[in-house]
Amino acid sequence: MLTGMTAGSAWADPAPSYADLLARLDQTPAVTEAHALSDAAEARVRQARTRPNPALSIDLENVAGSGPYSGFDSGDLSLSLSQNLELWGRRSARIGVARADAETAALRRDLSTIDTAGRLALIYAEAEAAQRRAALAEDALTLALADARAALAMVEEGREPLLRGIQAESEAAAARASLDEAKAEREAAFARLNAVAMLSVPATSIGSGLLDMPTAPAALTDQDTTAIRVAKAEATASERRITAEQINSRPDVTASVGVTRYGQEDQTALTFGLSLPLPLFDRNRGNIDAARAEHRAAEARVLQARQDAGADRAAAMARLSSSGSRVSAADAGVAAAEEAYRLSRIGAEAGRISQLELRTGRATLINARSAAVDARLARVRAEIDLARLEGRAPFEGNR
């Protein structure tokens, strides 16, 4: 009824190291998109620097009429060239808005890279944790099978009631179910890792991962986080849009120069002109008010980002510090549980300790080992949160 289990040989393809995956971060869709948007913003800056094209117009008047105006020989031919003068600093304001948008896009690109690195680190660590939990589930099944065999032997010898043997078989069946669940979680975790890391050869195991990697020390800096810099760049861009909309409310002057040939006299003369719209109905007030409102909203986002960054950094540092203590305590708990279970096995085999006490010791050991994995995963999450606030990849400097 009780049989052992062997690990499947399919789980043998190791994943690239976290450092190798981090070096290929630019190939991920999120970072590729952020780079493309930044390039598009830079292209708009180049476009903003260009002047408007001149307009060439040709007019033919006093032709195809009656009397002296019949035919085309006596017509007046005018050729003119007009150019938008872009007065009032219209061009520089347009460039300023585009430049501010490009700076914002560059900061968003950096933030996207940091976020993607954090997501990669978390999925990598979750896959490693799932691998460890599956291994612990195999160990738990091995222990349950060994204890069950010992319990059945005692039942046959008459040293334990039949109920103890039935309970041992039930615990072994539960351990098998837990192992199946842990394997399914492991497969799901590695499927997520393979998808996020875009691995051409699916990985099925992790060698040296992040759970045991020491965290980077917290940086003592008063610099703004990347999220704050993004919010400040958005505020600068919105402020420049106010200036641009105010300039757009002024007349857009166009100058022209040309030459006219008068057909009847066979004479030519130069023509000069200026044209501008009269601001009788549209003074662009709605766009100006909208730009000012957007600027107020951007300034509020800067304030909110500062408040969030201060609170998040304090919380992340506290979690990172407490997670380190939690890992140490969990490791000590594992060592104590292993020794307690070893002594329980010896006592049970000698008949000095009941099977109930042995099961309790085994459950304590399994829980302690699982808690150690959870503590390490919590430390990775705390490192990811702190790294994002400091504008770096998680575990940077420890790779």
Protein backbone atom coordinates (compact mmCIF):
# COMPACT_ATOMS: atom_id res chain seq x y z
CA MET A 1 0.00 0.00 0.00
CA LEU A 2 2.86 2.39 0.72
CA THR A 3 5.24 3.04 -2.14
CA GLY A 4 8.07 5.49 -2.61
CA MET A 5 8.32 8.11 -5.31
CA THR A 6 11.16 9.30 -7.50
CA ALA A 7 11.60 12.76 -8.96
CA GLY A 8 10.73 13.17 -12.63
CA SER A 9 13.68 13.48 -14.94
CA ALA A 10 11.85 16.02 -17.09
CA TRP A 11 12.76 18.79 -14.70
CA ALA A 12 16.35 19.16 -15.70
CA ASP A 13 16.74 22.21 -17.97
CA PRO A 14 18.25 25.02 -15.87
CA ALA A 15 17.08 28.59 -16.36
CA PRO A 16 19.62 31.30 -17.24
CA SER A 17 20.88 33.19 -14.25
CA TYR A 18 19.03 36.28 -13.09
CA ALA A 19 21.99 38.40 -14.18
CA ASP A 20 21.83 36.96 -17.71
CA LEU A 21 18.10 37.62 -17.95
CA LEU A 22 18.59 41.15 -16.63
CA ALA A 23 21.17 41.82 -19.35
CA ARG A 24 18.53 40.93 -21.95
CA LEU A 25 15.87 43.13 -20.43
CA ASP A 26 15.76 45.40 -23.49
CA GLN A 27 14.25 42.54 -25.47
CA THR A 28 11.10 42.39 -23.34
CA PRO A 29 7.93 43.93 -24.81
CA ALA A 30 7.44 46.50 -22.04
CA VAL A 31 10.97 47.90 -22.32
CA THR A 32 10.86 47.75 -26.12
CA GLU A 33 7.63 49.75 -26.06
CA ALA A 34 9.11 52.33 -23.66
CA HIS A 35 12.19 52.75 -25.88
CA ALA A 36 9.99 53.13 -28.95
CA LEU A 37 7.86 55.80 -27.26
CA SER A 38 11.01 57.65 -26.20
CA ASP A 39 12.35 57.52 -29.77
CA ALA A 40 9.01 58.83 -31.04
CA ALA A 41 9.19 61.76 -28.61
CA GLU A 42 12.72 62.59 -29.78
CA ALA A 43 11.50 62.48 -33.38
CA ARG A 44 8.77 65.00 -32.48
CA VAL A 45 11.46 67.29 -31.08
CA ARG A 46 13.25 67.19 -34.42
CA GLN A 47 9.97 67.86 -36.17
CA ALA A 48 9.21 70.78 -33.86
CA ARG A 49 12.47 72.46 -34.86
CA THR A 50 11.53 72.56 -38.55
CA ARG A 51 10.02 75.73 -39.96
CA PRO A 52 6.75 75.66 -41.91
CA ASN A 53 7.08 75.28 -45.66
CA PRO A 54 6.59 78.39 -47.83
CA ALA A 55 3.52 78.51 -50.05
CA LEU A 56 3.74 79.22 -53.76
CA SER A 57 0.67 80.63 -55.49
CA ILE A 58 -0.05 81.46 -59.16
CA ASP A 59 -2.98 83.64 -60.17
CA LEU A 60 -4.19 84.42 -63.71
CA GLU A 61 -6.70 87.25 -63.94
CA ASN A 62 -8.65 89.09 -66.66
CA VAL A 63 -8.74 86.23 -69.14
CA ALA A 64 -11.37 84.36 -71.17
CA GLY A 65 -13.72 87.32 -71.02
CA SER A 66 -15.16 89.65 -73.65
CA GLY A 67 -13.72 92.54 -75.61
CA PRO A 68 -10.12 93.30 -74.71
CA TYR A 69 -10.17 90.51 -72.12
CA SER A 70 -10.91 87.72 -74.58
CA GLY A 71 -8.31 84.98 -74.80
CA PHE A 72 -5.30 84.71 -72.50
CA ASP A 73 -2.72 87.07 -74.05
CA SER A 74 -3.99 90.16 -72.24
CA GLY A 75 -4.36 88.48 -68.85
CA ASP A 76 -2.50 89.45 -65.69
CA LEU A 77 -0.25 86.73 -64.27
CA SER A 78 0.81 86.89 -60.60
CA LEU A 79 3.39 84.69 -58.93
CA SER A 80 3.83 85.01 -55.16
CA LEU A 81 5.67 83.25 -52.35
CA SER A 82 4.30 83.41 -48.79
CA GLN A 83 5.94 82.36 -45.53
CA ASN A 84 4.57 82.01 -42.01
CA LEU A 85 6.78 84.25 -39.82
CA GLU A 86 6.13 82.38 -36.55
CA LEU A 87 6.28 85.55 -34.46
CA TRP A 88 5.92 85.89 -30.67
CA GLY A 89 8.24 82.93 -30.01
CA ARG A 90 5.82 80.44 -31.51
CA ARG A 91 8.57 78.11 -32.75
CA SER A 92 10.61 78.13 -29.54
CA ALA A 93 7.47 77.40 -27.51
CA ARG A 94 6.65 74.47 -29.76
CA ILE A 95 10.18 73.12 -29.36
CA GLY A 96 10.00 73.59 -25.59
CA VAL A 97 6.83 71.51 -25.32
CA ALA A 98 8.28 68.75 -27.50
CA ARG A 99 11.53 68.76 -25.54
CA ALA A 100 9.68 68.47 -22.22
CA ASP A 101 7.59 65.59 -23.59
CA ALA A 102 10.77 63.85 -24.75
CA GLU A 103 12.35 64.20 -21.31
CA THR A 104 9.20 62.78 -19.75
CA ALA A 105 9.23 59.85 -22.19
CA ALA A 106 12.88 59.14 -21.37
CA LEU A 107 12.08 59.03 -17.64
CA ARG A 108 9.10 56.78 -18.29
CA ARG A 109 11.42 54.51 -20.25
CA ASP A 110 13.75 54.31 -17.24
CA LEU A 111 10.81 53.65 -14.93
CA SER A 112 9.50 50.93 -17.24
CA THR A 113 12.93 49.28 -17.22
CA ILE A 114 13.02 49.34 -13.42
CA ASP A 115 9.47 47.98 -13.16
CA THR A 116 10.23 45.21 -15.65
CA ALA A 117 13.38 44.26 -13.74
CA GLY A 118 11.35 44.08 -10.54
CA ARG A 119 8.70 41.91 -12.20
CA LEU A 120 11.38 39.62 -13.58
CA ALA A 121 13.04 39.30 -10.16
CA LEU A 122 9.73 38.46 -8.48
CA ILE A 123 8.73 35.82 -11.06
CA TYR A 124 12.24 34.35 -10.95
CA ALA A 125 12.11 34.13 -7.15
CA GLU A 126 8.58 32.68 -7.21
CA ALA A 127 9.72 29.96 -9.61
CA GLU A 128 12.67 29.19 -7.34
CA ALA A 129 10.37 29.10 -4.31
CA ALA A 130 7.95 26.78 -6.12
CA GLN A 131 10.89 24.51 -6.96
CA ARG A 132 11.92 24.41 -3.32
CA ARG A 133 8.37 23.74 -2.14
CA ALA A 134 8.11 20.82 -4.55
CA ALA A 135 11.39 19.42 -3.20
CA LEU A 136 10.15 19.91 0.37
CA ALA A 137 6.92 18.13 -0.54
CA GLU A 138 8.96 15.18 -1.82
CA ASP A 139 10.93 15.15 1.41
CA ALA A 140 7.69 15.35 3.40
CA LEU A 141 6.32 12.35 1.50
CA THR A 142 9.51 10.42 2.14
CA LEU A 143 9.26 11.13 5.87
CA ALA A 144 5.55 10.25 5.92
CA LEU A 145 6.22 6.95 4.14
CA ALA A 146 9.05 6.09 6.53
CA ASP A 147 6.94 6.91 9.58
CA ALA A 148 4.00 4.97 8.15
CA ARG A 149 6.16 1.89 7.57
CA ALA A 150 7.43 2.12 11.12
CA ALA A 151 3.89 2.53 12.45
CA LEU A 152 2.66 -0.51 10.49
CA ALA A 153 5.55 -2.54 11.81
CA MET A 154 4.62 -1.59 15.37
CA VAL A 155 0.98 -2.47 14.66
CA GLU A 156 2.04 -5.92 13.44
CA GLU A 157 4.14 -6.35 16.57
CA GLY A 158 1.21 -5.32 18.70
CA ARG A 159 2.98 -2.25 20.08
CA GLU A 160 0.49 0.19 18.50
CA PRO A 161 -3.24 -0.11 17.85
CA LEU A 162 -4.54 -0.59 14.34
CA LEU A 163 -5.82 2.99 14.34
CA ARG A 164 -2.22 4.28 14.29
CA GLY A 165 -1.52 2.38 11.09
CA ILE A 166 -4.64 3.73 9.41
CA GLN A 167 -3.72 7.26 10.46
CA ALA A 168 -0.22 6.82 9.06
CA GLU A 169 -1.57 5.63 5.71
CA SER A 170 -3.95 8.61 5.61
CA GLU A 171 -1.07 11.01 6.28
CA ALA A 172 0.99 9.42 3.51
CA ALA A 173 -1.92 9.86 1.08
CA ALA A 174 -2.23 13.51 2.12
CA ALA A 175 1.50 13.95 1.56
CA ARG A 176 1.13 12.52 -1.97
CA ALA A 177 -1.67 15.00 -2.70
CA SER A 178 0.46 17.86 -1.36
CA LEU A 179 3.31 16.76 -3.62
CA ASP A 180 1.03 16.72 -6.68
CA GLU A 181 -0.17 20.23 -5.82
CA ALA A 182 3.39 21.48 -5.30
CA LYS A 183 4.45 20.05 -8.67
CA ALA A 184 1.53 21.78 -10.38
CA GLU A 185 2.51 25.08 -8.74
CA ARG A 186 6.09 24.52 -9.86
CA GLU A 187 5.01 23.97 -13.45
CA ALA A 188 2.83 27.08 -13.39
CA ALA A 189 5.62 29.20 -11.89
CA PHE A 190 8.14 28.08 -14.51
CA ALA A 191 5.57 28.65 -17.28
CA ARG A 192 5.28 32.27 -16.10
CA LEU A 193 9.06 32.61 -15.96
CA ASN A 194 9.49 31.17 -19.47
CA ALA A 195 6.88 33.59 -20.82
CA VAL A 196 8.18 36.73 -19.10
CA ALA A 197 11.84 35.98 -19.81
CA MET A 198 10.98 34.88 -23.39
CA LEU A 199 13.16 31.78 -23.12
CA SER A 200 13.57 29.90 -26.40
CA VAL A 201 14.26 26.70 -24.44
CA PRO A 202 11.75 26.36 -21.58
CA ALA A 203 13.46 26.25 -18.20
CA THR A 204 12.44 23.63 -15.67
CA SER A 205 14.85 24.33 -12.82
CA ILE A 206 16.87 27.09 -11.19
CA GLY A 207 20.35 26.60 -9.85
CA SER A 208 21.70 29.60 -7.97
CA GLY A 209 18.74 31.94 -7.63
CA LEU A 210 17.62 34.95 -5.60
CA LEU A 211 16.22 33.44 -2.42
CA ASP A 212 19.63 33.09 -0.80
CA MET A 213 21.21 36.15 -2.45
CA PRO A 214 22.07 38.93 0.01
CA THR A 215 20.14 42.13 -0.52
CA ALA A 216 21.80 45.37 -1.57
CA PRO A 217 22.30 47.88 1.25
CA ALA A 218 19.84 50.77 1.25
CA ALA A 219 21.24 53.86 -0.44
CA LEU A 220 21.48 56.94 1.75
CA THR A 221 20.31 59.56 -0.72
CA ASP A 222 17.94 62.50 -0.83
CA GLN A 223 17.48 62.26 -4.57
CA ASP A 224 13.99 62.05 -5.98
CA THR A 225 12.73 58.67 -7.01
CA THR A 226 12.16 57.95 -10.68
CA ALA A 227 8.41 58.23 -10.15
CA ILE A 228 8.86 61.72 -8.69
CA ARG A 229 11.09 62.75 -11.58
CA VAL A 230 8.44 61.54 -14.03
CA ALA A 231 5.78 63.58 -12.22
CA LYS A 232 8.02 66.67 -12.19
CA ALA A 233 8.76 66.28 -15.91
CA GLU A 234 5.04 66.04 -16.62
CA ALA A 235 4.50 69.24 -14.61
CA THR A 236 7.22 71.03 -16.60
CA ALA A 237 5.67 69.91 -19.88
CA SER A 238 2.22 71.10 -18.79
CA GLU A 239 3.67 74.48 -17.78
CA ARG A 240 5.27 74.88 -21.20
CA ARG A 241 1.94 74.07 -22.83
CA ILE A 242 0.44 77.07 -21.06
CA THR A 243 3.03 79.31 -22.70
CA ALA A 244 2.45 77.67 -26.08
CA GLU A 245 -1.33 78.13 -25.85
CA GLN A 246 -0.89 81.77 -24.82
CA ILE A 247 1.30 82.36 -27.87
CA ASN A 248 -1.22 80.56 -30.08
CA SER A 249 -3.79 83.17 -29.06
CA ARG A 250 -1.75 85.86 -30.85
CA PRO A 251 -2.14 86.52 -34.58
CA ASP A 252 -0.31 84.13 -36.87
CA VAL A 253 1.35 86.50 -39.34
CA THR A 254 2.17 85.42 -42.90
CA ALA A 255 4.33 87.56 -45.24
CA SER A 256 4.30 87.27 -49.00
CA VAL A 257 6.32 88.65 -51.92
CA GLY A 258 5.56 88.21 -55.58
CA VAL A 259 5.65 89.56 -59.10
CA THR A 260 2.77 90.42 -61.42
CA ARG A 261 2.83 90.69 -65.22
CA TYR A 262 0.16 92.93 -66.68
CA GLY A 263 -0.82 91.54 -70.06
CA GLN A 264 -2.20 94.63 -71.79
CA GLU A 265 0.70 96.88 -70.87
CA ASP A 266 3.26 94.07 -71.01
CA GLN A 267 4.73 95.40 -67.76
CA THR A 268 5.76 93.72 -64.50
CA ALA A 269 5.68 94.88 -60.87
CA LEU A 270 6.54 93.45 -57.46
CA THR A 271 3.91 92.83 -54.82
CA PHE A 272 4.32 92.61 -51.04
CA GLY A 273 1.79 91.59 -48.43
CA LEU A 274 1.06 90.61 -44.85
CA SER A 275 -1.90 88.56 -43.68
CA LEU A 276 -3.08 87.83 -40.15
CA PRO A 277 -6.33 86.63 -38.58
CA LEU A 278 -8.40 89.07 -36.58
CA PRO A 279 -8.96 87.70 -33.03
CA LEU A 280 -12.60 88.71 -32.87
CA PHE A 281 -14.16 85.40 -31.85
CA ASP A 282 -11.41 82.87 -31.04
CA ARG A 283 -8.75 83.97 -28.58
CA ASN A 284 -7.83 80.42 -27.55
CA ARG A 285 -9.06 81.01 -24.00
CA GLY A 286 -10.47 77.51 -23.64
CA ASN A 287 -7.16 75.86 -24.51
CA ILE A 288 -5.29 78.24 -22.18
CA ASP A 289 -7.62 77.44 -19.27
CA ALA A 290 -7.35 73.72 -20.03
CA ALA A 291 -3.54 73.91 -20.02
CA ARG A 292 -3.58 75.72 -16.68
CA ALA A 293 -5.91 73.11 -15.19
CA GLU A 294 -3.67 70.30 -16.46
CA HIS A 295 -0.69 72.05 -14.88
CA ARG A 296 -2.48 72.20 -11.51
CA ALA A 297 -3.23 68.50 -11.81
CA ALA A 298 0.43 67.75 -12.67
CA GLU A 299 1.63 69.72 -9.64
CA ALA A 300 -0.77 67.74 -7.46
CA ARG A 301 0.69 64.51 -8.85
CA VAL A 302 4.18 65.71 -7.93
CA LEU A 303 3.05 66.34 -4.35
CA GLN A 304 1.33 62.96 -4.20
CA ALA A 305 4.41 61.23 -5.61
CA ARG A 306 6.60 62.85 -2.94
CA GLN A 307 4.27 61.76 -0.16
CA ASP A 308 4.02 58.22 -1.51
CA ALA A 309 7.78 57.94 -2.03
CA GLY A 310 8.56 58.96 1.54
CA ALA A 311 6.07 56.54 3.04
CA ASP A 312 6.92 53.72 0.63
CA ARG A 313 10.66 54.04 1.23
CA ALA A 314 10.26 53.91 5.01
CA ALA A 315 7.96 50.92 4.70
CA ALA A 316 10.26 49.12 2.25
CA MET A 317 13.30 49.60 4.47
CA ALA A 318 11.37 48.36 7.49
CA ARG A 319 10.12 45.30 5.60
CA LEU A 320 13.60 44.56 4.30
CA SER A 321 15.07 44.78 7.79
CA SER A 322 12.33 42.66 9.34
CA SER A 323 12.52 40.09 6.52
CA GLY A 324 16.21 39.59 7.23
CA SER A 325 15.42 38.88 10.86
CA ARG A 326 12.58 36.62 9.76
CA VAL A 327 14.93 34.59 7.56
CA SER A 328 17.39 34.13 10.43
CA ALA A 329 14.61 33.10 12.78
CA ALA A 330 13.15 30.70 10.22
CA ASP A 331 16.52 29.05 9.66
CA ALA A 332 16.96 28.63 13.39
CA GLY A 333 13.48 27.16 13.55
CA VAL A 334 14.31 24.66 10.81
CA ALA A 335 17.46 23.55 12.64
CA ALA A 336 15.54 23.11 15.90
CA ALA A 337 12.68 21.26 14.18
CA GLU A 338 15.08 18.91 12.40
CA GLU A 339 16.80 18.03 15.68
CA ALA A 340 13.46 17.61 17.45
CA TYR A 341 12.19 15.31 14.71
CA ARG A 342 15.42 13.28 14.78
CA LEU A 343 15.07 12.76 18.50
CA SER A 344 11.37 11.90 18.06
CA ARG A 345 12.25 9.20 15.52
CA ILE A 346 14.79 7.71 17.89
CA GLY A 347 12.30 7.82 20.76
CA ALA A 348 9.50 6.34 18.65
CA GLU A 349 11.68 3.46 17.48
CA ALA A 350 12.66 2.78 21.07
CA GLY A 351 9.03 2.87 22.16
CA ARG A 352 9.49 5.87 24.48
CA ILE A 353 7.52 8.34 22.28
CA SER A 354 4.07 7.80 20.80
CA GLN A 355 3.23 8.01 17.12
CA LEU A 356 1.15 11.11 17.85
CA GLU A 357 4.22 12.94 19.14
CA LEU A 358 6.19 11.78 16.10
CA ARG A 359 3.53 13.11 13.72
CA THR A 360 3.55 16.41 15.58
CA GLY A 361 7.32 16.65 15.20
CA ARG A 362 7.12 15.84 11.51
CA ALA A 363 4.40 18.46 10.93
CA THR A 364 6.48 21.03 12.82
CA LEU A 365 9.49 20.28 10.63
CA ILE A 366 7.47 20.56 7.40
CA ASN A 367 5.94 23.87 8.52
CA ALA A 368 9.33 25.25 9.56
CA ARG A 369 10.87 24.44 6.19
CA SER A 370 7.93 26.05 4.37
CA ALA A 371 8.20 29.13 6.58
CA ALA A 372 11.88 29.45 5.66
CA VAL A 373 10.97 29.56 1.96
CA ASP A 374 8.21 32.11 2.64
CA ALA A 375 10.62 34.29 4.62
CA ARG A 376 13.13 34.35 1.77
CA LEU A 377 10.42 35.19 -0.75
CA ALA A 378 9.25 38.04 1.48
CA ARG A 379 12.82 39.36 1.59
CA VAL A 380 12.97 39.32 -2.21
CA ARG A 381 9.71 41.29 -2.40
CA ALA A 382 11.05 43.87 0.06
CA GLU A 383 14.24 44.22 -1.99
CA ILE A 384 12.17 44.71 -5.17
CA ASP A 385 10.11 47.48 -3.53
CA LEU A 386 13.19 49.28 -2.23
CA ALA A 387 15.04 48.92 -5.54
CA ARG A 388 12.16 50.55 -7.43
CA LEU A 389 12.22 53.52 -5.06
CA GLU A 390 15.98 53.84 -5.46
CA GLY A 391 15.77 53.64 -9.27
CA ARG A 392 17.78 50.44 -9.74
CA ALA A 393 17.30 46.80 -10.58
CA PRO A 394 16.74 44.46 -7.61
CA PHE A 395 19.91 42.92 -6.19
CA GLU A 396 22.03 45.30 -8.28
CA GLY A 397 25.65 45.00 -7.17
CA ASN A 398 25.12 41.46 -5.88
CA ARG A 399 25.06 39.76 -9.29
